[in-house]
């Protein structure tokens, strides 16, 4: 079988049924594909609805909600050469065959990130260029090579939600594969508002970003752990006190659980690629220089002069090539 769609659902029955219908319309009953649905202990009748409306799909009922690691149940069951990863509220619009052909031609690609055009995280928002090598990907639209999965495993079982794509991508790159962006396959993320919490997002993101630095950085490990922590606290500059408190909770949870993480440092190449792309490991206080520079520019008055022979004095700017900082 060429590819398996692997979709995890939690209490989003209506969205899940839309995703299944749109995916079936895309593949048009082709025997080259299958749909594997993992229901994460939903209580809204999701599993029953799938059985009633789509008895031909593979349905796995997880007895407990395990978050993102539930995809691993689908990966283990899937028969396809590729695993097409979707959320219960995302679907592919077009370009699937082109993406799979691209993977066939490039066996070094372990994960192909698709062109997510809507939702809180988009390919355009990440400023990806077609064919660019990346590490993290957007989890509502990607294709995972089965051979890479068999080599590195699936999503980390210690990461319930958020940042798990960076962890998986890091391991895939360190195993000798590439993670690449493919712009020709478009994914729409409809973004259900159900079960989305700012507190959970901030706590998990801070905790998991610090954990990745702690677990995988081979050089200057603790420097990057602290950079991640401090970068996550920058929201206080915009008076985001509630989110900052959630970040602090995430820092506390990291320190509470860090000893359970096995230290598995990656290669220098993998670490360097990760650091180039992962914003939370960048220098913490660089913004101070930018802020002071912006303030100086704001109050600096350009010198002016007037011509004695002109009836309409015209101001003369000292440096007409001065470009304003776009972040001012």
Protein backbone atom coordinates (compact mmCIF):
# COMPACT_ATOMS: atom_id res chain seq x y z
CA UNK A 1 0.00 0.00 0.00
CA UNK A 2 1.32 3.40 -0.95
CA UNK A 3 0.17 5.57 1.97
CA UNK A 4 -1.92 5.56 5.14
CA UNK A 5 -3.73 8.60 6.48
CA UNK A 6 -3.26 8.59 10.25
CA UNK A 7 -5.64 10.89 12.12
CA UNK A 8 -6.03 11.31 15.89
CA UNK A 9 -9.31 12.60 17.31
CA UNK A 10 -10.43 13.78 20.72
CA UNK A 11 -14.05 14.88 21.20
CA UNK A 12 -14.35 16.59 17.82
CA UNK A 13 -16.93 14.32 16.21
CA UNK A 14 -18.26 16.83 13.70
CA UNK A 15 -14.80 17.94 12.56
CA UNK A 16 -13.57 14.36 12.31
CA UNK A 17 -16.47 13.38 10.05
CA UNK A 18 -15.69 16.37 7.80
CA UNK A 19 -12.03 15.36 7.62
CA UNK A 20 -12.86 11.77 6.73
CA UNK A 21 -15.33 12.85 4.02
CA UNK A 22 -12.88 15.32 2.47
CA UNK A 23 -10.06 12.75 2.55
CA UNK A 24 -12.23 10.13 0.88
CA UNK A 25 -13.17 12.62 -1.83
CA UNK A 26 -9.46 13.30 -2.37
CA UNK A 27 -8.39 9.67 -2.80
CA UNK A 28 -11.59 8.51 -4.56
CA UNK A 29 -11.63 4.96 -3.20
CA UNK A 30 -8.12 4.23 -4.47
CA UNK A 31 -6.76 0.94 -3.11
CA UNK A 32 -3.38 2.67 -2.70
CA UNK A 33 -4.62 4.43 0.44
CA UNK A 34 -6.22 3.65 3.77
CA UNK A 35 -7.59 5.77 6.61
CA UNK A 36 -6.50 4.94 10.15
CA UNK A 37 -8.42 6.81 12.83
CA UNK A 38 -7.23 6.78 16.45
CA UNK A 39 -9.93 7.94 18.83
CA UNK A 40 -8.34 9.26 22.02
CA UNK A 41 -10.99 8.12 24.54
CA UNK A 42 -13.59 10.60 23.27
CA UNK A 43 -16.83 10.95 25.20
CA UNK A 44 -18.84 12.73 22.47
CA UNK A 45 -19.71 9.65 20.44
CA UNK A 46 -16.90 10.10 17.91
CA UNK A 47 -16.07 6.39 17.65
CA UNK A 48 -19.71 5.42 17.29
CA UNK A 49 -20.19 8.03 14.54
CA UNK A 50 -17.20 6.70 12.59
CA UNK A 51 -18.54 3.16 12.83
CA UNK A 52 -21.96 4.28 11.63
CA UNK A 53 -20.91 6.58 8.78
CA UNK A 54 -17.54 5.19 7.70
CA UNK A 55 -17.36 1.47 8.54
CA UNK A 56 -14.63 0.98 5.90
CA UNK A 57 -11.97 2.97 7.77
CA UNK A 58 -9.63 1.46 10.34
CA UNK A 59 -10.75 2.65 13.78
CA UNK A 60 -8.52 2.26 16.83
CA UNK A 61 -10.11 3.14 20.17
CA UNK A 62 -7.55 4.31 22.70
CA UNK A 63 -8.85 3.59 26.22
CA UNK A 64 -7.21 6.76 27.59
CA UNK A 65 -6.35 10.15 26.09
CA UNK A 66 -2.59 9.99 25.54
CA UNK A 67 -2.33 13.17 23.45
CA UNK A 68 0.04 13.28 20.47
CA UNK A 69 1.65 9.86 21.21
CA UNK A 70 -1.68 8.32 20.14
CA UNK A 71 -0.44 8.77 16.56
CA UNK A 72 2.02 5.99 17.33
CA UNK A 73 -0.88 3.54 17.66
CA UNK A 74 -1.88 4.47 14.13
CA UNK A 75 1.68 4.24 12.84
CA UNK A 76 2.03 0.72 14.22
CA UNK A 77 -1.20 -0.37 12.53
CA UNK A 78 -0.71 1.47 9.22
CA UNK A 79 0.26 -0.56 6.15
CA UNK A 80 1.36 2.25 3.85
CA UNK A 81 4.88 3.10 2.75
CA UNK A 82 4.13 6.64 3.95
CA UNK A 83 2.11 7.96 6.89
CA UNK A 84 0.06 11.06 6.06
CA UNK A 85 -0.36 12.92 9.36
CA UNK A 86 -3.52 15.00 9.78
CA UNK A 87 -5.40 16.51 12.71
CA UNK A 88 -9.07 15.76 13.20
CA UNK A 89 -9.76 19.29 11.92
CA UNK A 90 -7.38 19.45 8.93
CA UNK A 91 -7.50 18.11 5.37
CA UNK A 92 -5.47 18.12 2.15
CA UNK A 93 -6.86 20.32 -0.62
CA UNK A 94 -4.60 19.21 -3.47
CA UNK A 95 -1.10 18.07 -4.36
CA UNK A 96 -0.98 14.72 -2.55
CA UNK A 97 0.26 12.71 -5.53
CA UNK A 98 2.94 15.32 -6.26
CA UNK A 99 4.13 15.13 -2.64
CA UNK A 100 4.30 11.33 -2.69
CA UNK A 101 6.13 11.36 -6.03
CA UNK A 102 8.61 13.83 -4.52
CA UNK A 103 9.25 11.42 -1.66
CA UNK A 104 9.71 8.54 -4.11
CA UNK A 105 12.39 10.55 -5.92
CA UNK A 106 14.15 11.63 -2.71
CA UNK A 107 14.61 8.66 -0.37
CA UNK A 108 16.74 10.79 1.97
CA UNK A 109 13.64 12.74 3.07
CA UNK A 110 12.21 11.24 6.26
CA UNK A 111 9.46 13.81 6.81
CA UNK A 112 7.88 16.07 4.22
CA UNK A 113 6.20 19.14 5.69
CA UNK A 114 3.18 20.17 3.63
CA UNK A 115 1.92 23.68 2.85
CA UNK A 116 -0.41 24.55 5.74
CA UNK A 117 -2.27 27.69 4.68
CA UNK A 118 -4.56 28.36 7.66
CA UNK A 119 -4.66 28.00 11.41
CA UNK A 120 -2.45 29.33 14.22
CA UNK A 121 0.72 28.01 12.53
CA UNK A 122 1.20 28.26 8.77
CA UNK A 123 4.02 27.61 6.35
CA UNK A 124 3.98 31.25 5.32
CA UNK A 125 4.15 32.30 8.96
CA UNK A 126 7.27 30.20 9.38
CA UNK A 127 8.66 31.80 6.19
CA UNK A 128 9.56 28.45 4.67
CA UNK A 129 10.77 28.28 1.08
CA UNK A 130 9.90 25.39 -1.20
CA UNK A 131 12.44 22.61 -0.72
CA UNK A 132 13.97 24.19 2.39
CA UNK A 133 15.57 21.88 4.94
CA UNK A 134 13.90 22.30 8.33
CA UNK A 135 13.64 20.41 11.60
CA UNK A 136 10.27 21.08 13.18
CA UNK A 137 7.13 20.80 11.08
CA UNK A 138 3.43 21.63 11.46
CA UNK A 139 1.74 18.52 12.81
CA UNK A 140 -1.63 18.99 11.09
CA UNK A 141 -0.10 18.34 7.66
CA UNK A 142 2.99 16.22 7.03
CA UNK A 143 4.07 12.92 5.48
CA UNK A 144 6.30 10.56 7.49
CA UNK A 145 8.28 7.86 5.67
CA UNK A 146 7.63 4.45 7.22
CA UNK A 147 11.31 3.47 6.93
CA UNK A 148 12.25 6.54 8.99
CA UNK A 149 9.60 5.67 11.58
CA UNK A 150 11.00 2.16 11.87
CA UNK A 151 14.43 3.66 12.53
CA UNK A 152 13.62 6.42 15.04
CA UNK A 153 10.13 5.65 16.33
CA UNK A 154 7.18 8.01 16.49
CA UNK A 155 6.21 10.90 18.74
CA UNK A 156 7.89 10.97 22.16
CA UNK A 157 5.65 9.36 24.77
CA UNK A 158 6.72 11.95 27.37
CA UNK A 159 5.32 14.88 25.36
CA UNK A 160 1.53 15.03 25.66
CA UNK A 161 1.04 17.95 23.28
CA UNK A 162 3.00 20.78 21.62
CA UNK A 163 6.59 20.89 20.36
CA UNK A 164 6.48 17.13 19.72
CA UNK A 165 7.09 17.81 15.99
CA UNK A 166 10.45 19.42 16.83
CA UNK A 167 11.45 16.43 18.94
CA UNK A 168 10.55 13.97 16.17
CA UNK A 169 12.17 16.08 13.46
CA UNK A 170 15.36 16.35 15.50
CA UNK A 171 15.59 12.58 15.83
CA UNK A 172 14.83 12.04 12.14
CA UNK A 173 17.63 14.43 11.11
CA UNK A 174 20.05 12.86 13.57
CA UNK A 175 19.29 9.44 12.06
CA UNK A 176 20.55 10.65 8.69
CA UNK A 177 17.29 11.67 7.05
CA UNK A 178 16.11 15.12 6.09
CA UNK A 179 13.00 17.09 6.95
CA UNK A 180 11.98 19.20 3.95
CA UNK A 181 9.17 21.61 3.08
CA UNK A 182 7.01 20.92 0.01
CA UNK A 183 4.88 23.87 -1.11
CA UNK A 184 2.92 22.00 -3.76
CA UNK A 185 0.62 20.09 -1.41
CA UNK A 186 -1.87 22.37 0.34
CA UNK A 187 -3.44 21.66 3.73
CA UNK A 188 -6.32 23.57 5.31
CA UNK A 189 -6.42 23.62 9.10
CA UNK A 190 -9.99 24.48 10.05
CA UNK A 191 -8.96 25.00 13.70
CA UNK A 192 -11.72 23.82 15.96
CA UNK A 193 -11.96 25.93 19.11
CA UNK A 194 -12.72 22.83 21.17
CA UNK A 195 -10.11 21.74 23.71
CA UNK A 196 -7.67 24.60 23.10
CA UNK A 197 -6.32 26.27 26.22
CA UNK A 198 -3.84 29.14 26.51
CA UNK A 199 -2.66 27.82 29.86
CA UNK A 200 -2.00 24.32 28.55
CA UNK A 201 -0.25 25.74 25.48
CA UNK A 202 2.13 27.96 27.45
CA UNK A 203 2.89 25.38 30.15
CA UNK A 204 3.58 22.55 27.70
CA UNK A 205 5.54 24.68 25.22
CA UNK A 206 7.90 26.02 27.89
CA UNK A 207 8.35 22.65 29.54
CA UNK A 208 8.93 20.76 26.30
CA UNK A 209 11.23 23.32 24.69
CA UNK A 210 13.46 23.26 27.79
CA UNK A 211 13.33 19.45 27.77
CA UNK A 212 14.52 19.27 24.15
CA UNK A 213 17.52 21.48 24.91
CA UNK A 214 18.28 19.46 28.04
CA UNK A 215 17.93 16.06 26.36
CA UNK A 216 19.57 16.64 22.98
CA UNK A 217 22.10 19.49 23.03
CA UNK A 218 25.61 18.05 22.99
CA UNK A 219 27.41 21.38 23.42
CA UNK A 220 26.54 24.21 25.83
CA UNK A 221 23.56 22.24 27.03
CA UNK A 222 22.66 24.37 30.04
CA UNK A 223 23.19 27.62 28.15
CA UNK A 224 20.41 26.67 25.76
CA UNK A 225 18.16 25.41 28.54
CA UNK A 226 18.35 28.84 30.18
CA UNK A 227 17.94 30.66 26.87
CA UNK A 228 14.72 28.77 26.25
CA UNK A 229 13.43 29.60 29.73
CA UNK A 230 14.22 33.30 29.46
CA UNK A 231 12.93 33.63 25.90
CA UNK A 232 9.63 32.15 27.02
CA UNK A 233 9.38 34.83 29.70
CA UNK A 234 9.68 37.74 27.23
CA UNK A 235 5.91 38.12 27.17
CA UNK A 236 6.20 40.18 30.33
CA UNK A 237 7.52 43.04 28.14
CA UNK A 238 4.05 43.27 26.56
CA UNK A 239 2.36 43.00 29.96
CA UNK A 240 1.24 39.43 29.29
CA UNK A 241 1.32 38.60 32.98
CA UNK A 242 -1.03 35.62 32.85
CA UNK A 243 0.90 33.90 30.04
CA UNK A 244 4.15 34.67 31.86
CA UNK A 245 2.80 32.93 34.94
CA UNK A 246 1.92 29.90 32.81
CA UNK A 247 5.48 29.95 31.44
CA UNK A 248 6.81 29.92 35.00
CA UNK A 249 4.67 26.88 35.74
CA UNK A 250 6.19 25.20 32.69
CA UNK A 251 9.71 25.99 33.94
CA UNK A 252 8.86 24.49 37.33
CA UNK A 253 7.45 21.36 35.67
CA UNK A 254 10.61 20.96 33.59
CA UNK A 255 12.83 21.05 36.68
CA UNK A 256 10.54 18.65 38.48
CA UNK A 257 10.64 16.07 35.66
CA UNK A 258 14.05 16.62 34.03
CA UNK A 259 15.79 13.69 35.75
CA UNK A 260 13.42 11.27 34.03
CA UNK A 261 14.77 12.34 30.63
CA UNK A 262 17.51 10.16 29.22
CA UNK A 263 20.36 12.25 27.84
CA UNK A 264 20.77 11.42 24.12
CA UNK A 265 22.92 14.19 22.58
CA UNK A 266 22.68 14.70 18.83
CA UNK A 267 25.48 15.21 16.31
CA UNK A 268 27.11 18.63 15.87
CA UNK A 269 25.44 18.99 12.45
CA UNK A 270 21.98 18.23 13.85
CA UNK A 271 22.47 20.62 16.76
CA UNK A 272 23.65 23.43 14.50
CA UNK A 273 20.70 23.02 12.12
CA UNK A 274 18.30 22.98 15.07
CA UNK A 275 19.81 26.11 16.62
CA UNK A 276 19.59 27.99 13.32
CA UNK A 277 15.85 27.35 13.14
CA UNK A 278 14.61 27.19 16.73
CA UNK A 279 13.80 30.69 17.92
CA UNK A 280 13.74 29.96 21.64
CA UNK A 281 17.47 29.10 21.70
CA UNK A 282 18.55 32.46 20.26
CA UNK A 283 20.38 35.06 22.38
CA UNK A 284 18.08 36.44 25.04
CA UNK A 285 19.14 40.05 25.46
CA UNK A 286 19.65 41.02 21.82
CA UNK A 287 16.31 42.79 21.95
CA UNK A 288 17.71 45.34 24.44
CA UNK A 289 20.15 46.72 21.89
CA UNK A 290 17.36 46.94 19.33
CA UNK A 291 15.01 48.65 21.78
CA UNK A 292 17.58 51.28 22.78
CA UNK A 293 18.42 51.87 19.11
CA UNK A 294 14.76 52.38 18.30
CA UNK A 295 14.32 54.84 21.16
CA UNK A 296 17.40 56.78 20.03
CA UNK A 297 16.08 57.01 16.47
CA UNK A 298 12.68 58.09 17.68
CA UNK A 299 14.05 61.13 19.51
CA UNK A 300 16.85 62.02 17.14
CA UNK A 301 15.97 65.11 15.07
CA UNK A 302 17.55 65.43 11.62
CA UNK A 303 19.50 68.64 10.99
CA UNK A 304 17.85 71.16 8.72
CA UNK A 305 19.20 73.99 6.59
CA UNK A 306 17.63 76.56 4.32
CA UNK A 307 18.91 78.21 1.18
CA UNK A 308 19.19 81.99 1.23
CA UNK A 309 18.32 82.18 -2.46
CA UNK A 310 15.07 80.18 -2.09
CA UNK A 311 11.69 81.55 -1.17
CA UNK A 312 10.53 78.03 -0.19
CA UNK A 313 12.96 76.67 2.34
CA UNK A 314 13.39 72.89 2.06
CA UNK A 315 14.64 70.79 4.93
CA UNK A 316 17.78 68.82 4.26
CA UNK A 317 18.08 65.39 5.88
CA UNK A 318 21.55 64.49 7.06
CA UNK A 319 21.30 60.87 5.91
CA UNK A 320 18.59 60.23 3.37
CA UNK A 321 19.48 56.54 3.25
CA UNK A 322 18.45 56.01 6.87
CA UNK A 323 15.97 53.11 6.97
CA UNK A 324 13.51 52.82 9.83
CA UNK A 325 13.58 49.59 11.83
CA UNK A 326 10.45 47.65 10.80
CA UNK A 327 10.03 46.48 14.39
CA UNK A 328 9.86 50.04 15.72
